[in-house]
Protein backbone atom coordinates (compact mmCIF):
# COMPACT_ATOMS: atom_id res chain seq x y z
CA MET A 1 15.65 3.68 13.89
CA LYS A 2 15.03 4.89 17.39
CA PHE A 3 11.77 4.89 19.32
CA SER A 4 10.63 6.15 22.70
CA ILE A 5 7.43 6.19 24.73
CA GLU A 6 6.14 9.68 25.49
CA ASN A 7 2.69 10.62 26.79
CA GLU A 8 1.26 7.13 26.32
CA ARG A 9 2.29 6.89 22.68
CA LEU A 10 5.26 5.62 20.73
CA VAL A 11 7.43 8.23 19.06
CA GLY A 12 9.57 7.12 16.15
CA HIS A 13 12.57 9.38 15.67
CA LEU A 14 13.07 8.88 11.95
CA GLU A 15 15.19 10.50 9.27
CA PHE A 16 12.28 12.51 7.82
CA GLY A 17 10.98 13.51 11.25
CA ASN A 18 9.02 12.16 14.17
CA ILE A 19 6.08 9.83 13.74
CA TYR A 20 3.56 9.18 16.50
CA ALA A 21 1.80 5.85 16.99
CA SER A 22 -0.84 4.83 19.48
CA THR A 23 -3.85 2.59 19.85
CA ASP A 24 -5.69 5.85 20.60
CA SER A 25 -6.28 7.72 17.32
CA LEU A 26 -6.25 11.03 19.21
CA LYS A 27 -2.59 10.45 20.15
CA GLY A 28 -1.13 9.07 16.94
CA TYR A 29 -1.49 6.75 13.99
CA LYS A 30 -2.80 3.30 14.84
CA PRO A 31 -0.42 0.39 14.16
CA TYR A 32 -2.95 -1.04 11.67
CA GLU A 33 -2.98 2.26 9.76
CA LEU A 34 0.81 2.33 9.65
CA MET A 35 0.94 -1.25 8.40
CA LEU A 36 -1.48 -0.61 5.55
CA THR A 37 0.25 2.68 4.75
CA SER A 38 3.64 0.99 4.44
CA ILE A 39 2.22 -1.65 2.11
CA VAL A 40 0.41 0.87 -0.09
CA THR A 41 3.46 3.15 -0.17
CA CYS A 42 5.82 0.36 -1.20
CA SER A 43 3.49 -1.19 -3.78
CA GLY A 44 2.23 2.15 -5.08
CA LEU A 45 5.64 3.67 -5.66
CA LEU A 46 6.73 0.40 -7.28
CA LEU A 47 3.75 0.60 -9.63
CA ILE A 48 4.78 4.14 -10.63
CA LYS A 49 8.34 2.95 -11.22
CA LEU A 50 7.10 0.09 -13.42
CA LEU A 51 4.84 2.40 -15.43
CA ASN A 52 7.70 4.83 -16.01
CA LYS A 53 10.12 2.03 -16.92
CA LYS A 54 7.63 0.63 -19.45
CA ARG A 55 6.96 4.16 -20.72
CA ILE A 56 3.27 3.87 -20.00
CA SER A 57 1.88 7.40 -19.70
CA PHE A 58 -0.54 8.15 -16.89
CA THR A 59 -1.97 11.30 -15.35
CA SER A 60 -3.14 10.19 -11.92
CA VAL A 61 -2.92 7.31 -9.47
CA ASN A 62 -5.06 6.84 -6.36
CA PHE A 63 -5.36 3.89 -4.02
CA HIS A 64 -7.95 2.24 -1.84
CA VAL A 65 -6.89 -0.41 0.65
CA GLU A 66 -9.04 -2.61 2.80
CA GLY A 67 -7.93 -5.05 5.44
CA ILE A 68 -9.82 -7.99 6.85
CA ARG A 69 -9.14 -8.72 10.50
CA ASN A 70 -9.88 -11.73 12.67
CA THR A 71 -11.28 -10.42 15.94
CA GLU A 72 -11.10 -13.87 17.50
CA ILE A 73 -7.35 -14.22 17.01
CA ALA A 74 -5.73 -11.05 18.41
CA ASN A 75 -7.46 -8.94 15.75
CA ARG A 76 -4.82 -10.18 13.30
CA VAL A 77 -4.84 -9.05 9.68
CA GLU A 78 -5.82 -11.98 7.48
CA ALA A 79 -6.26 -10.30 4.11
CA ILE A 80 -5.40 -7.03 2.42
CA ASP A 81 -7.03 -5.85 -0.80
CA ILE A 82 -5.29 -3.02 -2.63
CA THR A 83 -6.88 -1.29 -5.59
CA ALA A 84 -4.96 1.21 -7.69
CA TYR A 85 -7.08 3.62 -9.74
CA VAL A 86 -4.96 4.83 -12.63
CA THR A 87 -5.84 7.28 -15.39
CA PHE A 88 -3.85 6.33 -18.47
CA ASP A 89 -3.29 8.35 -21.62
CA LYS A 90 -4.12 5.29 -23.75
CA GLU A 91 -5.94 2.01 -23.25
CA LEU A 92 -4.08 -0.93 -21.74
CA SER A 93 -5.03 -4.54 -22.37
CA LYS A 94 -6.20 -6.83 -19.60
CA GLU A 95 -2.96 -8.77 -20.09
CA GLN A 96 -0.85 -5.65 -19.54
CA LEU A 97 -2.75 -4.80 -16.36
CA LYS A 98 -2.48 -8.37 -15.06
CA LYS A 99 1.28 -8.39 -15.71
CA LEU A 100 1.69 -5.10 -13.81
CA GLU A 101 -0.34 -6.48 -10.88
CA GLU A 102 1.85 -9.62 -10.80
CA LEU A 103 5.07 -7.59 -10.97
CA VAL A 104 3.97 -5.39 -8.06
CA ILE A 105 3.17 -8.38 -5.85
CA LYS A 106 6.38 -10.18 -6.84
CA ASN A 107 8.69 -7.21 -6.31
CA CYS A 108 7.19 -5.25 -3.40
CA GLY A 109 9.27 -5.95 -0.32
CA MET A 110 6.45 -5.16 2.10
CA ILE A 111 4.02 -7.49 0.33
CA GLN A 112 6.63 -10.23 0.14
CA THR A 113 7.25 -9.87 3.88
CA ILE A 114 3.64 -10.68 4.77
CA ILE A 115 2.47 -12.83 1.86
CA GLY A 116 3.03 -16.10 3.72
CA SER A 117 0.60 -15.16 6.49
CA VAL A 118 -1.69 -12.55 4.94
CA LYS A 119 -3.68 -12.98 1.72
CA VAL A 120 -2.85 -10.01 -0.52
CA THR A 121 -4.74 -9.00 -3.65
CA TYR A 122 -3.64 -6.16 -5.90
CA ASN A 123 -5.89 -4.84 -8.66
CA ILE A 124 -5.45 -2.03 -11.13
CA HIS A 125 -8.60 -0.27 -12.32
CA TYR A 126 -7.97 2.09 -15.16
CA HIS A 127 -9.57 5.03 -16.81
CA GLN A 128 -8.52 6.32 -20.19
CA LEU A 129 -8.31 10.02 -20.84
CA THR A 130 -10.80 11.12 -23.45
CA ASP A 131 -10.25 14.00 -25.81
């Protein structure tokens, strides 16, 4: 990957295209936003892969992520809570959901990169389609 500084922001020259990052939200994505986005992307796409592999039918998946920062220590991220809202075609047991949550945490490279220094929780809330 290649990066440059242009107009007081970082420009990442990536395979898909350029990405702009800055501490000023008018000039680009904030580093904190990019961090949370990378974690949700990695874990979310892994969840989809696991659901498909287990042949668990679903119609929609949405995510909410919240980070807790310590303003006294460089505004560091201390905890990240990820919630996946999934609409399934049939009901899943609490055990099935817990196993999926554990598999995501265990196999997501981005989560595994930070898990030693950031507390990460991953929860799946489900809705069942009704006829």
